Amino acid sequence: LNFNNFVKPDGISIDFDIDPNWSKKYLKGVCIQGGMDP
């Protein structure tokens, strides 16, 4: 959350420890990428 608000990239790739619902709620103004555990 802090990274996204500070850095403001066009897209942010989430790792598999991040709950996608949490990402949807808190990561705003950015295109979300990824998430699924390989």
PDB file of all heavy atoms in Angstrom:
ATOM      1  N   LEU A   1       0.833  -1.211   0.000  1.00  0.00           N
ATOM      2  CA  LEU A   1       0.000   0.000   0.000  1.00  0.00           C
ATOM      3  C   LEU A   1       0.864   1.256   0.000  1.00  0.00           C
ATOM      4  O   LEU A   1       0.669   2.161  -0.819  1.00  0.00           O
ATOM      5  CB  LEU A   1      -0.925  -0.016   1.222  1.00  0.00           C
ATOM      6  CG  LEU A   1      -1.738   1.264   1.483  1.00  0.00           C
ATOM      7  CD1 LEU A   1      -2.654   1.572   0.310  1.00  0.00           C
ATOM      8  CD2 LEU A   1      -2.555   1.113   2.769  1.00  0.00           C
ATOM      9  N   ASN A   2       1.834   1.314   0.910  1.00  0.00           N
ATOM     10  CA  ASN A   2       2.715   2.477   0.982  1.00  0.00           C
ATOM     11  C   ASN A   2       3.552   2.610  -0.293  1.00  0.00           C
ATOM     12  O   ASN A   2       3.783   3.720  -0.786  1.00  0.00           O
ATOM     13  CB  ASN A   2       3.629   2.381   2.207  1.00  0.00           C
ATOM     14  CG  ASN A   2       2.863   2.473   3.508  1.00  0.00           C
ATOM     15  OD1 ASN A   2       1.818   3.130   3.576  1.00  0.00           O
ATOM     16  ND2 ASN A   2       3.344   1.810   4.543  1.00  0.00           N
ATOM     17  N   PHE A   3       4.020   1.477  -0.802  1.00  0.00           N
ATOM     18  CA  PHE A   3       4.808   1.500  -2.029  1.00  0.00           C
ATOM     19  C   PHE A   3       3.983   2.104  -3.166  1.00  0.00           C
ATOM     20  O   PHE A   3       4.440   3.000  -3.885  1.00  0.00           O
ATOM     21  CB  PHE A   3       5.245   0.081  -2.396  1.00  0.00           C
ATOM     22  CG  PHE A   3       6.081   0.005  -3.654  1.00  0.00           C
ATOM     23  CD1 PHE A   3       7.461  -0.056  -3.577  1.00  0.00           C
ATOM     24  CD2 PHE A   3       5.485  -0.017  -4.917  1.00  0.00           C
ATOM     25  CE1 PHE A   3       8.243  -0.124  -4.734  1.00  0.00           C
ATOM     26  CE2 PHE A   3       6.245  -0.088  -6.073  1.00  0.00           C
ATOM     27  CZ  PHE A   3       7.625  -0.137  -5.976  1.00  0.00           C
ATOM     28  N   ASN A   4       2.765   1.619  -3.336  1.00  0.00           N
ATOM     29  CA  ASN A   4       1.924   2.092  -4.434  1.00  0.00           C
ATOM     30  C   ASN A   4       1.613   3.579  -4.310  1.00  0.00           C
ATOM     31  O   ASN A   4       1.664   4.319  -5.299  1.00  0.00           O
ATOM     32  CB  ASN A   4       0.629   1.282  -4.474  1.00  0.00           C
ATOM     33  CG  ASN A   4      -0.209   1.590  -5.694  1.00  0.00           C
ATOM     34  OD1 ASN A   4       0.266   1.502  -6.819  1.00  0.00           O
ATOM     35  ND2 ASN A   4      -1.464   1.964  -5.473  1.00  0.00           N
ATOM     36  N   ASN A   5       1.309   4.032  -3.094  1.00  0.00           N
ATOM     37  CA  ASN A   5       0.982   5.441  -2.881  1.00  0.00           C
ATOM     38  C   ASN A   5       2.188   6.351  -3.099  1.00  0.00           C
ATOM     39  O   ASN A   5       2.047   7.488  -3.544  1.00  0.00           O
ATOM     40  CB  ASN A   5       0.430   5.648  -1.465  1.00  0.00           C
ATOM     41  CG  ASN A   5      -0.940   5.013  -1.285  1.00  0.00           C
ATOM     42  OD1 ASN A   5      -1.625   4.717  -2.256  1.00  0.00           O
ATOM     43  ND2 ASN A   5      -1.337   4.803  -0.039  1.00  0.00           N
ATOM     44  N   PHE A   6       3.371   5.853  -2.784  1.00  0.00           N
ATOM     45  CA  PHE A   6       4.608   6.643  -2.891  1.00  0.00           C
ATOM     46  C   PHE A   6       5.143   6.631  -4.320  1.00  0.00           C
ATOM     47  O   PHE A   6       5.492   7.672  -4.883  1.00  0.00           O
ATOM     48  CB  PHE A   6       5.662   6.073  -1.923  1.00  0.00           C
ATOM     49  CG  PHE A   6       6.836   6.975  -1.675  1.00  0.00           C
ATOM     50  CD1 PHE A   6       6.960   7.660  -0.482  1.00  0.00           C
ATOM     51  CD2 PHE A   6       7.842   7.113  -2.633  1.00  0.00           C
ATOM     52  CE1 PHE A   6       8.064   8.485  -0.249  1.00  0.00           C
ATOM     53  CE2 PHE A   6       8.933   7.930  -2.411  1.00  0.00           C
ATOM     54  CZ  PHE A   6       9.049   8.624  -1.221  1.00  0.00           C
ATOM     55  N   VAL A   7       5.220   5.462  -4.924  1.00  0.00           N
ATOM     56  CA  VAL A   7       5.908   5.290  -6.208  1.00  0.00           C
ATOM     57  C   VAL A   7       4.993   5.573  -7.394  1.00  0.00           C
ATOM     58  O   VAL A   7       5.447   6.082  -8.429  1.00  0.00           O
ATOM     59  CB  VAL A   7       6.506   3.866  -6.300  1.00  0.00           C
ATOM     60  CG1 VAL A   7       7.225   3.651  -7.623  1.00  0.00           C
ATOM     61  CG2 VAL A   7       7.481   3.623  -5.135  1.00  0.00           C
ATOM     62  N   LYS A   8       3.709   5.227  -7.261  1.00  0.00           N
ATOM     63  CA  LYS A   8       2.709   5.474  -8.305  1.00  0.00           C
ATOM     64  C   LYS A   8       3.107   4.912  -9.680  1.00  0.00           C
ATOM     65  O   LYS A   8       3.151   5.637 -10.678  1.00  0.00           O
ATOM     66  CB  LYS A   8       2.408   6.976  -8.426  1.00  0.00           C
ATOM     67  CG  LYS A   8       1.759   7.574  -7.193  1.00  0.00           C
ATOM     68  CD  LYS A   8       1.469   9.053  -7.394  1.00  0.00           C
ATOM     69  CE  LYS A   8       0.632   9.630  -6.262  1.00  0.00           C
ATOM     70  NZ  LYS A   8       1.282   9.547  -4.951  1.00  0.00           N
ATOM     71  N   PRO A   9       3.384   3.627  -9.766  1.00  0.00           N
ATOM     72  CA  PRO A   9       3.664   3.030 -11.080  1.00  0.00           C
ATOM     73  C   PRO A   9       2.375   2.879 -11.878  1.00  0.00           C
ATOM     74  O   PRO A   9       1.278   3.023 -11.336  1.00  0.00           O
ATOM     75  CB  PRO A   9       4.250   1.662 -10.715  1.00  0.00           C
ATOM     76  CG  PRO A   9       3.578   1.321  -9.416  1.00  0.00           C
ATOM     77  CD  PRO A   9       3.402   2.620  -8.676  1.00  0.00           C
ATOM     78  N   ASP A  10       2.512   2.572 -13.171  1.00  0.00           N
ATOM     79  CA  ASP A  10       1.330   2.298 -13.989  1.00  0.00           C
ATOM     80  C   ASP A  10       0.725   0.946 -13.616  1.00  0.00           C
ATOM     81  O   ASP A  10      -0.488   0.764 -13.647  1.00  0.00           O
ATOM     82  CB  ASP A  10       1.705   2.296 -15.469  1.00  0.00           C
ATOM     83  CG  ASP A  10       2.246   3.639 -15.925  1.00  0.00           C
ATOM     84  OD1 ASP A  10       1.498   4.627 -15.849  1.00  0.00           O
ATOM     85  OD2 ASP A  10       3.422   3.697 -16.331  1.00  0.00           O
ATOM     86  N   GLY A  11       1.599  -0.007 -13.297  1.00  0.00           N
ATOM     87  CA  GLY A  11       1.149  -1.330 -12.899  1.00  0.00           C
ATOM     88  C   GLY A  11       1.941  -1.813 -11.702  1.00  0.00           C
ATOM     89  O   GLY A  11       3.100  -1.429 -11.511  1.00  0.00           O
ATOM     90  N   ILE A  12       1.305  -2.645 -10.887  1.00  0.00           N
ATOM     91  CA  ILE A  12       2.011  -3.221  -9.744  1.00  0.00           C
ATOM     92  C   ILE A  12       1.741  -4.723  -9.722  1.00  0.00           C
ATOM     93  O   ILE A  12       0.593  -5.165  -9.816  1.00  0.00           O
ATOM     94  CB  ILE A  12       1.603  -2.551  -8.410  1.00  0.00           C
ATOM     95  CG1 ILE A  12       2.566  -2.939  -7.291  1.00  0.00           C
ATOM     96  CG2 ILE A  12       0.160  -2.845  -8.032  1.00  0.00           C
ATOM     97  CD1 ILE A  12       2.496  -2.030  -6.077  1.00  0.00           C
ATOM     98  N   SER A  13       2.807  -5.494  -9.674  1.00  0.00           N
ATOM     99  CA  SER A  13       2.709  -6.949  -9.697  1.00  0.00           C
ATOM    100  C   SER A  13       2.677  -7.448  -8.262  1.00  0.00           C
ATOM    101  O   SER A  13       3.587  -7.162  -7.477  1.00  0.00           O
ATOM    102  CB  SER A  13       3.911  -7.530 -10.455  1.00  0.00           C
ATOM    103  OG  SER A  13       3.594  -8.760 -11.045  1.00  0.00           O
ATOM    104  N   ILE A  14       1.613  -8.167  -7.912  1.00  0.00           N
ATOM    105  CA  ILE A  14       1.486  -8.659  -6.541  1.00  0.00           C
ATOM    106  C   ILE A  14       2.045 -10.077  -6.455  1.00  0.00           C
ATOM    107  O   ILE A  14       1.970 -10.847  -7.407  1.00  0.00           O
ATOM    108  CB  ILE A  14       0.031  -8.607  -6.044  1.00  0.00           C
ATOM    109  CG1 ILE A  14      -0.907  -9.428  -6.943  1.00  0.00           C
ATOM    110  CG2 ILE A  14      -0.444  -7.158  -5.946  1.00  0.00           C
ATOM    111  CD1 ILE A  14      -2.328  -9.568  -6.407  1.00  0.00           C
ATOM    112  N   ASP A  15       2.618 -10.398  -5.315  1.00  0.00           N
ATOM    113  CA  ASP A  15       3.123 -11.756  -5.122  1.00  0.00           C
ATOM    114  C   ASP A  15       2.035 -12.628  -4.503  1.00  0.00           C
ATOM    115  O   ASP A  15       0.944 -12.157  -4.177  1.00  0.00           O
ATOM    116  CB  ASP A  15       4.409 -11.759  -4.295  1.00  0.00           C
ATOM    117  CG  ASP A  15       4.220 -11.209  -2.882  1.00  0.00           C
ATOM    118  OD1 ASP A  15       3.272 -11.649  -2.199  1.00  0.00           O
ATOM    119  OD2 ASP A  15       5.021 -10.353  -2.453  1.00  0.00           O
ATOM    120  N   PHE A  16       2.342 -13.916  -4.339  1.00  0.00           N
ATOM    121  CA  PHE A  16       1.301 -14.864  -3.915  1.00  0.00           C
ATOM    122  C   PHE A  16       0.980 -14.793  -2.432  1.00  0.00           C
ATOM    123  O   PHE A  16       0.073 -15.481  -1.959  1.00  0.00           O
ATOM    124  CB  PHE A  16       1.664 -16.299  -4.322  1.00  0.00           C
ATOM    125  CG  PHE A  16       3.082 -16.690  -3.997  1.00  0.00           C
ATOM    126  CD1 PHE A  16       3.446 -17.075  -2.732  1.00  0.00           C
ATOM    127  CD2 PHE A  16       4.063 -16.666  -4.989  1.00  0.00           C
ATOM    128  CE1 PHE A  16       4.738 -17.441  -2.435  1.00  0.00           C
ATOM    129  CE2 PHE A  16       5.371 -17.032  -4.704  1.00  0.00           C
ATOM    130  CZ  PHE A  16       5.712 -17.422  -3.422  1.00  0.00           C
ATOM    131  N   ASP A  17       1.712 -13.954  -1.664  1.00  0.00           N
ATOM    132  CA  ASP A  17       1.366 -13.747  -0.257  1.00  0.00           C
ATOM    133  C   ASP A  17       0.324 -12.653  -0.073  1.00  0.00           C
ATOM    134  O   ASP A  17      -0.141 -12.419   1.046  1.00  0.00           O
ATOM    135  CB  ASP A  17       2.623 -13.386   0.551  1.00  0.00           C
ATOM    136  CG  ASP A  17       3.555 -14.570   0.718  1.00  0.00           C
ATOM    137  OD1 ASP A  17       3.050 -15.709   0.777  1.00  0.00           O
ATOM    138  OD2 ASP A  17       4.779 -14.372   0.780  1.00  0.00           O
ATOM    139  N   ILE A  18      -0.020 -11.958  -1.158  1.00  0.00           N
ATOM    140  CA  ILE A  18      -0.976 -10.862  -1.079  1.00  0.00           C
ATOM    141  C   ILE A  18      -2.376 -11.360  -1.406  1.00  0.00           C
ATOM    142  O   ILE A  18      -2.602 -11.984  -2.453  1.00  0.00           O
ATOM    143  CB  ILE A  18      -0.599  -9.731  -2.067  1.00  0.00           C
ATOM    144  CG1 ILE A  18       0.793  -9.159  -1.740  1.00  0.00           C
ATOM    145  CG2 ILE A  18      -1.646  -8.626  -2.056  1.00  0.00           C
ATOM    146  CD1 ILE A  18       0.877  -8.399  -0.457  1.00  0.00           C
ATOM    147  N   ASP A  19      -3.314 -11.104  -0.520  1.00  0.00           N
ATOM    148  CA  ASP A  19      -4.707 -11.461  -0.755  1.00  0.00           C
ATOM    149  C   ASP A  19      -5.257 -10.579  -1.879  1.00  0.00           C
ATOM    150  O   ASP A  19      -5.205  -9.347  -1.780  1.00  0.00           O
ATOM    151  CB  ASP A  19      -5.506 -11.226   0.535  1.00  0.00           C
ATOM    152  CG  ASP A  19      -6.967 -11.642   0.428  1.00  0.00           C
ATOM    153  OD1 ASP A  19      -7.493 -11.670  -0.699  1.00  0.00           O
ATOM    154  OD2 ASP A  19      -7.579 -11.916   1.474  1.00  0.00           O
ATOM    155  N   PRO A  20      -5.782 -11.186  -2.952  1.00  0.00           N
ATOM    156  CA  PRO A  20      -6.283 -10.357  -4.047  1.00  0.00           C
ATOM    157  C   PRO A  20      -7.408  -9.409  -3.622  1.00  0.00           C
ATOM    158  O   PRO A  20      -7.509  -8.294  -4.144  1.00  0.00           O
ATOM    159  CB  PRO A  20      -6.770 -11.384  -5.086  1.00  0.00           C
ATOM    160  CG  PRO A  20      -6.914 -12.671  -4.344  1.00  0.00           C
ATOM    161  CD  PRO A  20      -5.903 -12.622  -3.249  1.00  0.00           C
ATOM    162  N   ASN A  21      -8.231  -9.829  -2.677  1.00  0.00           N
ATOM    163  CA  ASN A  21      -9.300  -8.941  -2.194  1.00  0.00           C
ATOM    164  C   ASN A  21      -8.727  -7.732  -1.476  1.00  0.00           C
ATOM    165  O   ASN A  21      -9.244  -6.622  -1.603  1.00  0.00           O
ATOM    166  CB  ASN A  21     -10.257  -9.716  -1.279  1.00  0.00           C
ATOM    167  CG  ASN A  21     -11.141 -10.678  -2.050  1.00  0.00           C
ATOM    168  OD1 ASN A  21     -11.990 -10.271  -2.830  1.00  0.00           O
ATOM    169  ND2 ASN A  21     -10.920 -11.970  -1.849  1.00  0.00           N
ATOM    170  N   TRP A  22      -7.655  -7.940  -0.718  1.00  0.00           N
ATOM    171  CA  TRP A  22      -6.974  -6.821  -0.069  1.00  0.00           C
ATOM    172  C   TRP A  22      -6.418  -5.872  -1.131  1.00  0.00           C
ATOM    173  O   TRP A  22      -6.530  -4.647  -1.008  1.00  0.00           O
ATOM    174  CB  TRP A  22      -5.841  -7.347   0.825  1.00  0.00           C
ATOM    175  CG  TRP A  22      -5.080  -6.281   1.553  1.00  0.00           C
ATOM    176  CD1 TRP A  22      -5.323  -5.795   2.801  1.00  0.00           C
ATOM    177  CD2 TRP A  22      -3.923  -5.583   1.072  1.00  0.00           C
ATOM    178  NE1 TRP A  22      -4.403  -4.823   3.128  1.00  0.00           N
ATOM    179  CE2 TRP A  22      -3.531  -4.674   2.079  1.00  0.00           C
ATOM    180  CE3 TRP A  22      -3.190  -5.615  -0.116  1.00  0.00           C
ATOM    181  CZ2 TRP A  22      -2.440  -3.817   1.936  1.00  0.00           C
ATOM    182  CZ3 TRP A  22      -2.099  -4.762  -0.264  1.00  0.00           C
ATOM    183  CH2 TRP A  22      -1.731  -3.882   0.753  1.00  0.00           C
ATOM    184  N   SER A  23      -5.818  -6.438  -2.172  1.00  0.00           N
ATOM    185  CA  SER A  23      -5.258  -5.624  -3.253  1.00  0.00           C
ATOM    186  C   SER A  23      -6.322  -4.767  -3.905  1.00  0.00           C
ATOM    187  O   SER A  23      -6.115  -3.579  -4.181  1.00  0.00           O
ATOM    188  CB  SER A  23      -4.611  -6.514  -4.320  1.00  0.00           C
ATOM    189  OG  SER A  23      -3.588  -7.299  -3.767  1.00  0.00           O
ATOM    190  N   LYS A  24      -7.465  -5.388  -4.174  1.00  0.00           N
ATOM    191  CA  LYS A  24      -8.559  -4.653  -4.820  1.00  0.00           C
ATOM    192  C   LYS A  24      -9.028  -3.492  -3.944  1.00  0.00           C
ATOM    193  O   LYS A  24      -9.343  -2.406  -4.447  1.00  0.00           O
ATOM    194  CB  LYS A  24      -9.713  -5.601  -5.113  1.00  0.00           C
ATOM    195  CG  LYS A  24     -10.876  -4.936  -5.836  1.00  0.00           C
ATOM    196  CD  LYS A  24     -11.920  -5.945  -6.246  1.00  0.00           C
ATOM    197  CE  LYS A  24     -13.016  -5.269  -7.076  1.00  0.00           C
ATOM    198  NZ  LYS A  24     -14.009  -6.237  -7.575  1.00  0.00           N
ATOM    199  N   LYS A  25      -9.050  -3.715  -2.649  1.00  0.00           N
ATOM    200  CA  LYS A  25      -9.560  -2.699  -1.726  1.00  0.00           C
ATOM    201  C   LYS A  25      -8.584  -1.550  -1.529  1.00  0.00           C
ATOM    202  O   LYS A  25      -8.990  -0.376  -1.460  1.00  0.00           O
ATOM    203  CB  LYS A  25      -9.871  -3.352  -0.378  1.00  0.00           C
ATOM    204  CG  LYS A  25     -10.458  -2.393   0.655  1.00  0.00           C
ATOM    205  CD  LYS A  25     -10.815  -3.127   1.942  1.00  0.00           C
ATOM    206  CE  LYS A  25     -11.407  -2.167   2.964  1.00  0.00           C
ATOM    207  NZ  LYS A  25     -11.772  -2.871   4.222  1.00  0.00           N
ATOM    208  N   TYR A  26      -7.267  -1.850  -1.484  1.00  0.00           N
ATOM    209  CA  TYR A  26      -6.306  -0.840  -1.050  1.00  0.00           C
ATOM    210  C   TYR A  26      -5.377  -0.301  -2.145  1.00  0.00           C
ATOM    211  O   TYR A  26      -4.853   0.811  -2.013  1.00  0.00           O
ATOM    212  CB  TYR A  26      -5.446  -1.398   0.091  1.00  0.00           C
ATOM    213  CG  TYR A  26      -6.213  -1.589   1.374  1.00  0.00           C
ATOM    214  CD1 TYR A  26      -6.544  -2.864   1.824  1.00  0.00           C
ATOM    215  CD2 TYR A  26      -6.631  -0.503   2.128  1.00  0.00           C
ATOM    216  CE1 TYR A  26      -7.260  -3.052   2.999  1.00  0.00           C
ATOM    217  CE2 TYR A  26      -7.340  -0.667   3.300  1.00  0.00           C
ATOM    218  CZ  TYR A  26      -7.653  -1.946   3.737  1.00  0.00           C
ATOM    219  OH  TYR A  26      -8.369  -2.113   4.888  1.00  0.00           O
ATOM    220  N   LEU A  27      -5.150  -1.050  -3.198  1.00  0.00           N
ATOM    221  CA  LEU A  27      -4.216  -0.585  -4.231  1.00  0.00           C
ATOM    222  C   LEU A  27      -5.004   0.149  -5.309  1.00  0.00           C
ATOM    223  O   LEU A  27      -5.561  -0.457  -6.217  1.00  0.00           O
ATOM    224  CB  LEU A  27      -3.431  -1.768  -4.811  1.00  0.00           C
ATOM    225  CG  LEU A  27      -2.616  -2.587  -3.800  1.00  0.00           C
ATOM    226  CD1 LEU A  27      -1.864  -3.707  -4.499  1.00  0.00           C
ATOM    227  CD2 LEU A  27      -1.659  -1.695  -3.011  1.00  0.00           C
ATOM    228  N   LYS A  28      -5.032   1.467  -5.200  1.00  0.00           N
ATOM    229  CA  LYS A  28      -5.870   2.298  -6.057  1.00  0.00           C
ATOM    230  C   LYS A  28      -5.036   3.014  -7.126  1.00  0.00           C
ATOM    231  O   LYS A  28      -3.858   3.282  -6.945  1.00  0.00           O
ATOM    232  CB  LYS A  28      -6.607   3.344  -5.211  1.00  0.00           C
ATOM    233  CG  LYS A  28      -7.503   2.751  -4.131  1.00  0.00           C
ATOM    234  CD  LYS A  28      -8.622   1.892  -4.726  1.00  0.00           C
ATOM    235  CE  LYS A  28      -9.588   1.385  -3.661  1.00  0.00           C
ATOM    236  NZ  LYS A  28     -10.635   0.529  -4.230  1.00  0.00           N
ATOM    237  N   GLY A  29      -5.708   3.341  -8.245  1.00  0.00           N
ATOM    238  CA  GLY A  29      -5.083   4.123  -9.306  1.00  0.00           C
ATOM    239  C   GLY A  29      -3.992   3.402 -10.046  1.00  0.00           C
ATOM    240  O   GLY A  29      -3.115   4.031 -10.650  1.00  0.00           O
ATOM    241  N   VAL A  30      -4.020   2.074 -10.013  1.00  0.00           N
ATOM    242  CA  VAL A  30      -2.948   1.281 -10.615  1.00  0.00           C
ATOM    243  C   VAL A  30      -3.547   0.024 -11.246  1.00  0.00           C
ATOM    244  O   VAL A  30      -4.582  -0.472 -10.786  1.00  0.00           O
ATOM    245  CB  VAL A  30      -1.887   0.904  -9.543  1.00  0.00           C
ATOM    246  CG1 VAL A  30      -2.459  -0.081  -8.518  1.00  0.00           C
ATOM    247  CG2 VAL A  30      -0.607   0.365 -10.167  1.00  0.00           C
ATOM    248  N   CYS A  31      -2.915  -0.458 -12.292  1.00  0.00           N
ATOM    249  CA  CYS A  31      -3.301  -1.750 -12.859  1.00  0.00           C
ATOM    250  C   CYS A  31      -2.600  -2.850 -12.062  1.00  0.00           C
ATOM    251  O   CYS A  31      -1.380  -2.825 -11.909  1.00  0.00           O
ATOM    252  CB  CYS A  31      -2.890  -1.826 -14.327  1.00  0.00           C
ATOM    253  SG  CYS A  31      -3.109  -3.471 -15.048  1.00  0.00           S
ATOM    254  N   ILE A  32      -3.359  -3.791 -11.548  1.00  0.00           N
ATOM    255  CA  ILE A  32      -2.779  -4.896 -10.786  1.00  0.00           C
ATOM    256  C   ILE A  32      -2.424  -6.036 -11.733  1.00  0.00           C
ATOM    257  O   ILE A  32      -3.136  -6.323 -12.694  1.00  0.00           O
ATOM    258  CB  ILE A  32      -3.742  -5.362  -9.681  1.00  0.00           C
ATOM    259  CG1 ILE A  32      -3.891  -4.246  -8.636  1.00  0.00           C
ATOM    260  CG2 ILE A  32      -3.245  -6.648  -9.015  1.00  0.00           C
ATOM    261  CD1 ILE A  32      -4.928  -4.516  -7.567  1.00  0.00           C
ATOM    262  N   GLN A  33      -1.295  -6.650 -11.466  1.00  0.00           N
ATOM    263  CA  GLN A  33      -0.817  -7.777 -12.256  1.00  0.00           C
ATOM    264  C   GLN A  33      -0.486  -8.938 -11.335  1.00  0.00           C
ATOM    265  O   GLN A  33       0.043  -8.757 -10.247  1.00  0.00           O
ATOM    266  CB  GLN A  33       0.444  -7.363 -13.033  1.00  0.00           C
ATOM    267  CG  GLN A  33       1.150  -8.523 -13.747  1.00  0.00           C
ATOM    268  CD  GLN A  33       2.379  -8.075 -14.520  1.00  0.00           C
ATOM    269  OE1 GLN A  33       2.259  -7.591 -15.629  1.00  0.00           O
ATOM    270  NE2 GLN A  33       3.565  -8.241 -13.936  1.00  0.00           N
ATOM    271  N   GLY A  34      -0.795 -10.152 -11.804  1.00  0.00           N
ATOM    272  CA  GLY A  34      -0.262 -11.346 -11.164  1.00  0.00           C
ATOM    273  C   GLY A  34      -0.984 -11.826  -9.932  1.00  0.00           C
ATOM    274  O   GLY A  34      -2.160 -11.581  -9.726  1.00  0.00           O
ATOM    275  N   GLY A  35      -0.221 -12.523  -9.097  1.00  0.00           N
ATOM    276  CA  GLY A  35      -0.731 -13.000  -7.824  1.00  0.00           C
ATOM    277  C   GLY A  35      -0.711 -14.499  -7.632  1.00  0.00           C
ATOM    278  O   GLY A  35      -0.394 -14.998  -6.558  1.00  0.00           O
ATOM    279  N   MET A  36      -1.047 -15.265  -8.656  1.00  0.00           N
ATOM    280  CA  MET A  36      -1.207 -16.705  -8.462  1.00  0.00           C
ATOM    281  C   MET A  36       0.127 -17.380  -8.163  1.00  0.00           C
ATOM    282  O   MET A  36       1.130 -17.110  -8.811  1.00  0.00           O
ATOM    283  CB  MET A  36      -1.848 -17.340  -9.702  1.00  0.00           C
ATOM    284  CG  MET A  36      -2.363 -18.741  -9.445  1.00  0.00           C
ATOM    285  SD  MET A  36      -3.252 -19.451 -10.860  1.00  0.00           S
ATOM    286  CE  MET A  36      -2.007 -20.579 -11.475  1.00  0.00           C
ATOM    287  N   ASP A  37       0.109 -18.260  -7.187  1.00  0.00           N
ATOM    288  CA  ASP A  37       1.310 -18.982  -6.777  1.00  0.00           C
ATOM    289  C   ASP A  37       1.759 -19.915  -7.907  1.00  0.00           C
ATOM    290  O   ASP A  37       0.984 -20.770  -8.354  1.00  0.00           O
ATOM    291  CB  ASP A  37       1.000 -19.793  -5.514  1.00  0.00           C
ATOM    292  CG  ASP A  37       2.243 -20.340  -4.835  1.00  0.00           C
ATOM    293  OD1 ASP A  37       3.229 -20.607  -5.544  1.00  0.00           O
ATOM    294  OD2 ASP A  37       2.217 -20.514  -3.604  1.00  0.00           O
ATOM    295  N   PRO A  38       2.997 -19.785  -8.395  1.00  0.00           N
ATOM    296  CA  PRO A  38       3.455 -20.659  -9.485  1.00  0.00           C
ATOM    297  C   PRO A  38       3.479 -22.136  -9.109  1.00  0.00           C
ATOM    298  O   PRO A  38       3.448 -22.993  -9.991  1.00  0.00           O
ATOM    299  CB  PRO A  38       4.866 -20.136  -9.796  1.00  0.00           C
ATOM    300  CG  PRO A  38       5.278 -19.345  -8.610  1.00  0.00           C
ATOM    301  CD  PRO A  38       4.020 -18.797  -8.010  1.00  0.00           C
TER     302      PRO A  38
END
